[in-house]
Amino acid sequence: MIAKEIQSTESSYVATLNMITRLFLQPLRDCSQGTGTLGITIDRAQVKTMFLEIETIGQLHTALLLDIDTRIAHWSPSQKIADIFLSYVSFMKVYTRYTNNFEFAMQTITACRRDDAFFAYLKKCKEEDTACGKLWLEDHLITPVQRIPRLILLFRELLKRTHSEHPDFTDIQKAINELETLAAAMNEGKARAERSMMMVRIQHMVKHCPDIMIPTRQFINDFPCVALPTAAAPVSTHVPLDDAPVIRGESVDSEPPSPSSPSPDASDGAAGSAGDRLSPGTPVQSNRD
């Protein structure tokens, strides 16, 4: 049942948002206020930039999930669900601000990773906390960018399976229209967010990669090629940037998925590991494993 899939993905999404707040936002905020115990040097502006609107989005979807749970608990063939989303959609404009800020959030995290205590904490969470699912903070922060497109797909599928005379049919159409309007407003920020996420993954995927996360730089594309003149040379990854030489390097982690790839589970969870931290340096001409 599509309504139950909406409920399930919403539940997983809320769990991810709560995990971000509990495991990352609150401890780092405590450090910025001088009450933390992690030994991390960070200021309030950096914390705000990293997690702009995360708490607002979390509160919004927690309330939304409660309403969905109540409706599903009393489900009947004539029951509605789209009206719930229509009552919340005006508050979802916060997503536009989130996506527009995403690039700055990634740049701030990259800068803070130079602090050994900060990086050690991110790595500890990734490796030891099961709620992280072996993913980096950056991977979880892309989740809100993916949620609205996922909801549109779910409601389109729900519309296909709903008779035109059903009480929810018109509201489903309205919900799709409202969510598509929101997605259109998010599109430019979403595109920047996906490019920024790819830059983060490149930064952590290539051994001895220089610091490429700067405000004026954009990811263009990556592509496989064969190094010449040796015909049997192994495949390498070449990453052209708009203001920097092509980077060719050896992977230090598994190949991350494309930033537009779906999440590992139906909940729109994080899109994939960003890889291990690397010290800034010059690009190396070594081959991918």
Protein backbone atom coordinates (compact mmCIF):
# COMPACT_ATOMS: atom_id res chain seq x y z
CA MET A 1 0.00 0.00 0.00
CA ILE A 2 1.47 3.35 -1.06
CA ALA A 3 0.06 5.13 2.00
CA LYS A 4 2.05 2.77 4.22
CA GLU A 5 5.17 3.38 2.15
CA ILE A 6 4.69 7.11 2.68
CA GLN A 7 4.42 6.43 6.41
CA SER A 8 7.47 4.16 6.44
CA THR A 9 9.72 6.53 4.53
CA GLU A 10 8.54 9.45 6.65
CA SER A 11 9.38 7.53 9.82
CA SER A 12 12.89 6.72 8.58
CA TYR A 13 13.37 10.32 7.46
CA VAL A 14 12.39 11.67 10.89
CA ALA A 15 14.77 9.18 12.52
CA THR A 16 17.61 10.51 10.35
CA LEU A 17 16.79 14.14 11.20
CA ASN A 18 16.66 13.31 14.92
CA MET A 19 19.98 11.47 14.66
CA ILE A 20 21.64 14.49 13.04
CA THR A 21 20.43 16.72 15.87
CA ARG A 22 21.31 14.29 18.66
CA LEU A 23 24.65 13.06 17.39
CA PHE A 24 26.05 16.12 15.63
CA LEU A 25 24.17 19.39 16.05
CA GLN A 26 23.70 19.39 19.82
CA PRO A 27 27.23 18.22 20.77
CA LEU A 28 28.84 20.72 18.37
CA ARG A 29 26.57 23.51 19.60
CA ASP A 30 27.66 22.70 23.15
CA CYS A 31 31.29 23.00 22.04
CA SER A 32 30.59 26.37 20.43
CA GLN A 33 29.07 27.58 23.70
CA GLY A 34 31.98 26.36 25.79
CA THR A 35 30.00 23.59 27.51
CA GLY A 36 31.03 20.68 25.30
CA THR A 37 33.27 17.79 26.31
CA LEU A 38 34.64 16.81 22.89
CA GLY A 39 37.57 19.24 22.83
CA ILE A 40 36.44 20.62 19.46
CA THR A 41 37.15 24.24 18.59
CA ILE A 42 34.18 25.61 16.69
CA ASP A 43 32.15 28.82 16.78
CA ARG A 44 28.41 29.37 16.77
CA ALA A 45 28.34 30.76 13.24
CA GLN A 46 29.96 27.58 11.91
CA VAL A 47 27.45 25.37 13.71
CA LYS A 48 24.56 27.47 12.41
CA THR A 49 25.85 27.26 8.84
CA MET A 50 26.32 23.49 9.01
CA PHE A 51 22.84 22.78 10.34
CA LEU A 52 20.73 25.68 9.12
CA GLU A 53 17.01 24.79 9.45
CA ILE A 54 17.67 21.14 10.37
CA GLU A 55 15.82 21.51 13.67
CA THR A 56 12.92 23.32 11.99
CA ILE A 57 12.62 20.60 9.36
CA GLY A 58 12.83 17.94 12.07
CA GLN A 59 10.03 19.52 14.12
CA LEU A 60 7.89 19.93 11.01
CA HIS A 61 8.18 16.31 9.96
CA THR A 62 7.80 14.97 13.49
CA ALA A 63 4.39 16.64 13.65
CA LEU A 64 3.57 15.47 10.13
CA LEU A 65 4.49 11.88 11.02
CA LEU A 66 2.24 11.90 14.09
CA ASP A 67 -0.70 12.90 11.92
CA ILE A 68 0.15 10.23 9.34
CA ASP A 69 0.44 7.56 12.05
CA THR A 70 -2.98 8.47 13.43
CA ARG A 71 -4.54 8.32 9.98
CA ILE A 72 -2.94 4.95 9.11
CA ALA A 73 -4.02 3.50 12.46
CA HIS A 74 -7.64 4.17 11.47
CA TRP A 75 -7.29 3.27 7.81
CA SER A 76 -10.25 2.37 5.65
CA PRO A 77 -10.81 2.12 1.89
CA SER A 78 -12.21 5.67 1.86
CA GLN A 79 -9.51 7.15 4.10
CA LYS A 80 -7.50 10.20 3.01
CA ILE A 81 -3.83 11.09 3.47
CA ALA A 82 -3.00 13.87 0.99
CA ASP A 83 -4.95 16.45 3.02
CA ILE A 84 -2.40 16.04 5.82
CA PHE A 85 0.42 17.13 3.51
CA LEU A 86 -1.65 20.03 2.20
CA SER A 87 -1.95 21.33 5.76
CA TYR A 88 1.85 21.32 6.15
CA VAL A 89 3.09 22.24 2.68
CA SER A 90 3.15 25.99 3.33
CA PHE A 91 5.68 25.37 6.12
CA MET A 92 7.91 23.37 3.76
CA LYS A 93 9.23 26.54 2.15
CA VAL A 94 12.01 26.16 4.71
CA TYR A 95 13.47 23.58 2.30
CA THR A 96 14.39 26.33 -0.15
CA ARG A 97 16.56 28.01 2.47
CA TYR A 98 18.10 24.66 3.39
CA THR A 99 19.07 23.79 -0.17
CA ASN A 100 20.38 27.29 -0.88
CA ASN A 101 22.64 27.00 2.17
CA PHE A 102 23.85 23.45 1.49
CA GLU A 103 26.95 24.51 -0.44
CA PHE A 104 28.06 26.74 2.45
CA ALA A 105 27.39 23.92 4.92
CA MET A 106 29.72 21.61 2.98
CA GLN A 107 32.43 24.25 2.79
CA THR A 108 32.17 24.83 6.54
CA ILE A 109 32.42 21.13 7.34
CA THR A 110 35.45 20.80 5.05
CA ALA A 111 37.16 23.67 6.86
CA CYS A 112 36.33 22.23 10.28
CA ARG A 113 37.66 18.80 9.30
CA ARG A 114 41.15 20.30 9.54
CA ASP A 115 40.64 20.26 13.31
CA ASP A 116 41.82 16.83 14.50
CA ALA A 117 39.23 16.61 17.28
CA PHE A 118 36.39 17.49 14.89
CA PHE A 119 37.46 14.90 12.34
CA ALA A 120 38.03 12.27 15.02
CA TYR A 121 34.49 12.78 16.30
CA LEU A 122 32.95 12.49 12.82
CA LYS A 123 34.94 9.33 12.18
CA LYS A 124 33.97 7.83 15.55
CA CYS A 125 30.28 8.47 14.85
CA LYS A 126 30.58 6.95 11.38
CA GLU A 127 32.34 3.82 12.57
CA GLU A 128 30.82 3.19 16.00
CA ASP A 129 27.28 4.58 16.09
CA THR A 130 24.85 2.23 14.36
CA ALA A 131 22.43 5.13 13.72
CA CYS A 132 25.02 6.57 11.32
CA GLY A 133 24.92 3.51 9.11
CA LYS A 134 28.67 3.83 8.37
CA LEU A 135 28.02 7.17 6.65
CA TRP A 136 29.62 10.57 7.14
CA LEU A 137 27.81 13.65 8.41
CA GLU A 138 27.80 15.14 4.90
CA ASP A 139 25.99 12.08 3.57
CA HIS A 140 23.18 12.53 6.08
CA LEU A 141 22.85 16.25 5.41
CA ILE A 142 21.94 15.60 1.76
CA THR A 143 18.82 13.70 2.94
CA PRO A 144 16.48 16.74 3.16
CA VAL A 145 17.47 17.75 -0.39
CA GLN A 146 16.19 14.36 -1.57
CA ARG A 147 12.97 14.23 0.43
CA ILE A 148 10.63 16.47 -1.59
CA PRO A 149 11.40 14.75 -4.95
CA ARG A 150 10.82 11.40 -3.22
CA LEU A 151 7.42 12.56 -1.91
CA ILE A 152 6.42 13.68 -5.40
CA LEU A 153 7.18 10.21 -6.77
CA LEU A 154 5.19 8.55 -3.99
CA PHE A 155 2.15 10.77 -4.52
CA ARG A 156 2.28 10.26 -8.28
CA GLU A 157 2.19 6.52 -7.67
CA LEU A 158 -0.64 6.96 -5.18
CA LEU A 159 -2.61 8.95 -7.76
CA LYS A 160 -2.23 6.14 -10.32
CA ARG A 161 -3.79 3.71 -7.86
CA THR A 162 -6.63 5.99 -6.72
CA HIS A 163 -10.00 6.04 -8.44
CA SER A 164 -11.10 9.47 -9.67
CA GLU A 165 -14.19 9.27 -7.43
CA HIS A 166 -12.19 8.54 -4.27
CA PRO A 167 -12.41 11.31 -1.58
CA ASP A 168 -8.63 11.73 -1.65
CA PHE A 169 -8.22 11.99 -5.44
CA THR A 170 -8.46 15.78 -5.74
CA ASP A 171 -6.25 16.37 -2.70
CA ILE A 172 -3.61 14.03 -4.09
CA GLN A 173 -3.54 16.12 -7.26
CA LYS A 174 -3.27 19.29 -5.20
CA ALA A 175 -0.47 17.82 -3.07
CA ILE A 176 1.50 16.87 -6.18
CA ASN A 177 1.06 20.37 -7.60
CA GLU A 178 2.14 22.02 -4.33
CA LEU A 179 5.16 19.74 -3.94
CA GLU A 180 6.19 20.28 -7.56
CA THR A 181 5.99 24.05 -7.04
CA LEU A 182 8.22 23.68 -3.99
CA ALA A 183 10.62 21.42 -5.91
CA ALA A 184 10.86 24.00 -8.71
CA ALA A 185 11.80 26.66 -6.15
CA MET A 186 14.41 24.27 -4.73
CA ASN A 187 15.86 23.19 -8.08
CA GLU A 188 18.70 25.70 -8.34
CA GLY A 189 19.74 25.12 -4.76
CA LYS A 190 19.33 21.35 -5.22
CA ALA A 191 21.63 21.39 -8.25
CA ARG A 192 24.25 23.34 -6.29
CA ALA A 193 23.83 20.95 -3.36
CA GLU A 194 24.43 17.92 -5.56
CA ARG A 195 27.52 19.51 -7.13
CA SER A 196 28.83 20.41 -3.67
CA MET A 197 28.24 16.87 -2.45
CA MET A 198 30.20 15.53 -5.40
CA MET A 199 33.06 17.91 -4.59
CA VAL A 200 33.06 16.61 -1.00
CA ARG A 201 33.23 13.03 -2.23
CA ILE A 202 36.05 13.83 -4.64
CA GLN A 203 37.93 15.60 -1.83
CA HIS A 204 37.78 12.46 0.33
CA MET A 205 38.01 9.86 -2.43
CA VAL A 206 41.32 10.87 -4.03
CA LYS A 207 44.58 10.28 -2.21
CA HIS A 208 46.54 13.47 -1.50
CA CYS A 209 43.82 15.59 -3.11
CA PRO A 210 44.38 19.32 -2.68
CA ASP A 211 41.73 21.42 -0.95
CA ILE A 212 39.17 21.85 -3.74
CA MET A 213 36.23 23.05 -1.63
CA ILE A 214 36.34 26.78 -2.29
CA PRO A 215 33.32 29.03 -2.97
CA THR A 216 34.18 29.87 -6.58
CA ARG A 217 34.83 26.30 -7.73
CA GLN A 218 32.28 23.94 -9.26
CA PHE A 219 32.24 20.28 -10.17
CA ILE A 220 31.77 19.68 -13.91
CA ASN A 221 31.93 15.92 -14.45
CA ASP A 222 34.02 12.82 -13.95
CA PHE A 223 34.84 10.13 -16.47
CA PRO A 224 37.01 6.99 -16.81
CA CYS A 225 39.97 6.88 -19.17
CA VAL A 226 43.07 4.85 -19.92
CA ALA A 227 46.45 6.34 -19.19
CA LEU A 228 48.76 6.52 -22.21
CA PRO A 229 51.11 5.43 -23.70
CA THR A 230 50.73 2.03 -22.00
CA ALA A 231 47.81 0.30 -23.67
CA ALA A 232 47.24 -1.99 -20.71
CA ALA A 233 47.19 0.81 -18.16
CA PRO A 234 44.41 0.48 -15.56
CA VAL A 235 41.41 2.78 -15.54
CA SER A 236 41.68 6.06 -13.68
CA THR A 237 39.16 8.69 -12.71
CA HIS A 238 39.60 12.18 -14.19
CA VAL A 239 37.72 15.01 -12.54
CA PRO A 240 37.57 18.30 -14.45
CA LEU A 241 36.83 21.38 -12.35
CA ASP A 242 35.84 24.74 -13.75
CA ASP A 243 38.90 26.62 -12.46
CA ALA A 244 41.47 23.92 -11.74
CA PRO A 245 43.51 21.30 -13.59
CA VAL A 246 42.03 17.87 -14.12
CA ILE A 247 42.54 15.69 -11.05
CA ARG A 248 43.44 12.04 -11.53
CA GLY A 249 43.89 10.00 -8.41
CA GLU A 250 43.72 6.71 -6.59
CA SER A 251 40.54 5.95 -4.66
CA VAL A 252 40.83 5.53 -0.90
CA ASP A 253 37.27 4.32 -0.42
CA SER A 254 34.59 2.55 -2.38
CA GLU A 255 33.22 4.43 -5.37
CA PRO A 256 30.46 6.71 -4.09
CA PRO A 257 27.14 6.83 -5.94
CA SER A 258 26.14 9.77 -8.06
CA PRO A 259 24.73 12.62 -5.94
CA SER A 260 21.34 12.17 -7.58
CA SER A 261 21.23 8.44 -6.83
CA PRO A 262 18.47 7.19 -4.53
CA SER A 263 19.25 6.51 -0.92
CA PRO A 264 20.30 3.07 0.32
CA ASP A 265 16.78 2.50 1.70
CA ALA A 266 13.33 3.72 0.85
CA SER A 267 13.49 6.36 3.55
CA ASP A 268 15.65 8.75 1.53
CA GLY A 269 18.50 8.08 3.86
CA ALA A 270 21.94 9.39 3.15
CA ALA A 271 23.25 8.83 -0.33
CA GLY A 272 26.60 7.17 0.35
CA SER A 273 29.89 7.47 2.18
CA ALA A 274 31.99 10.54 1.59
CA GLY A 275 35.20 8.64 2.30
CA ASP A 276 38.12 9.27 4.64
CA ARG A 277 39.73 12.62 5.28
CA LEU A 278 42.83 13.43 3.27
CA SER A 279 45.48 16.00 3.94
CA PRO A 280 45.68 18.87 1.43
CA GLY A 281 48.42 18.40 -1.12
CA THR A 282 49.13 18.25 -4.80
CA PRO A 283 47.24 15.90 -7.15
CA VAL A 284 48.96 12.58 -7.67
CA GLN A 285 49.13 10.68 -10.94
CA SER A 286 48.38 7.29 -9.44
CA ASN A 287 45.83 4.77 -10.66
CA ARG A 288 42.54 3.73 -9.13
CA ASP A 289 42.57 0.36 -7.38
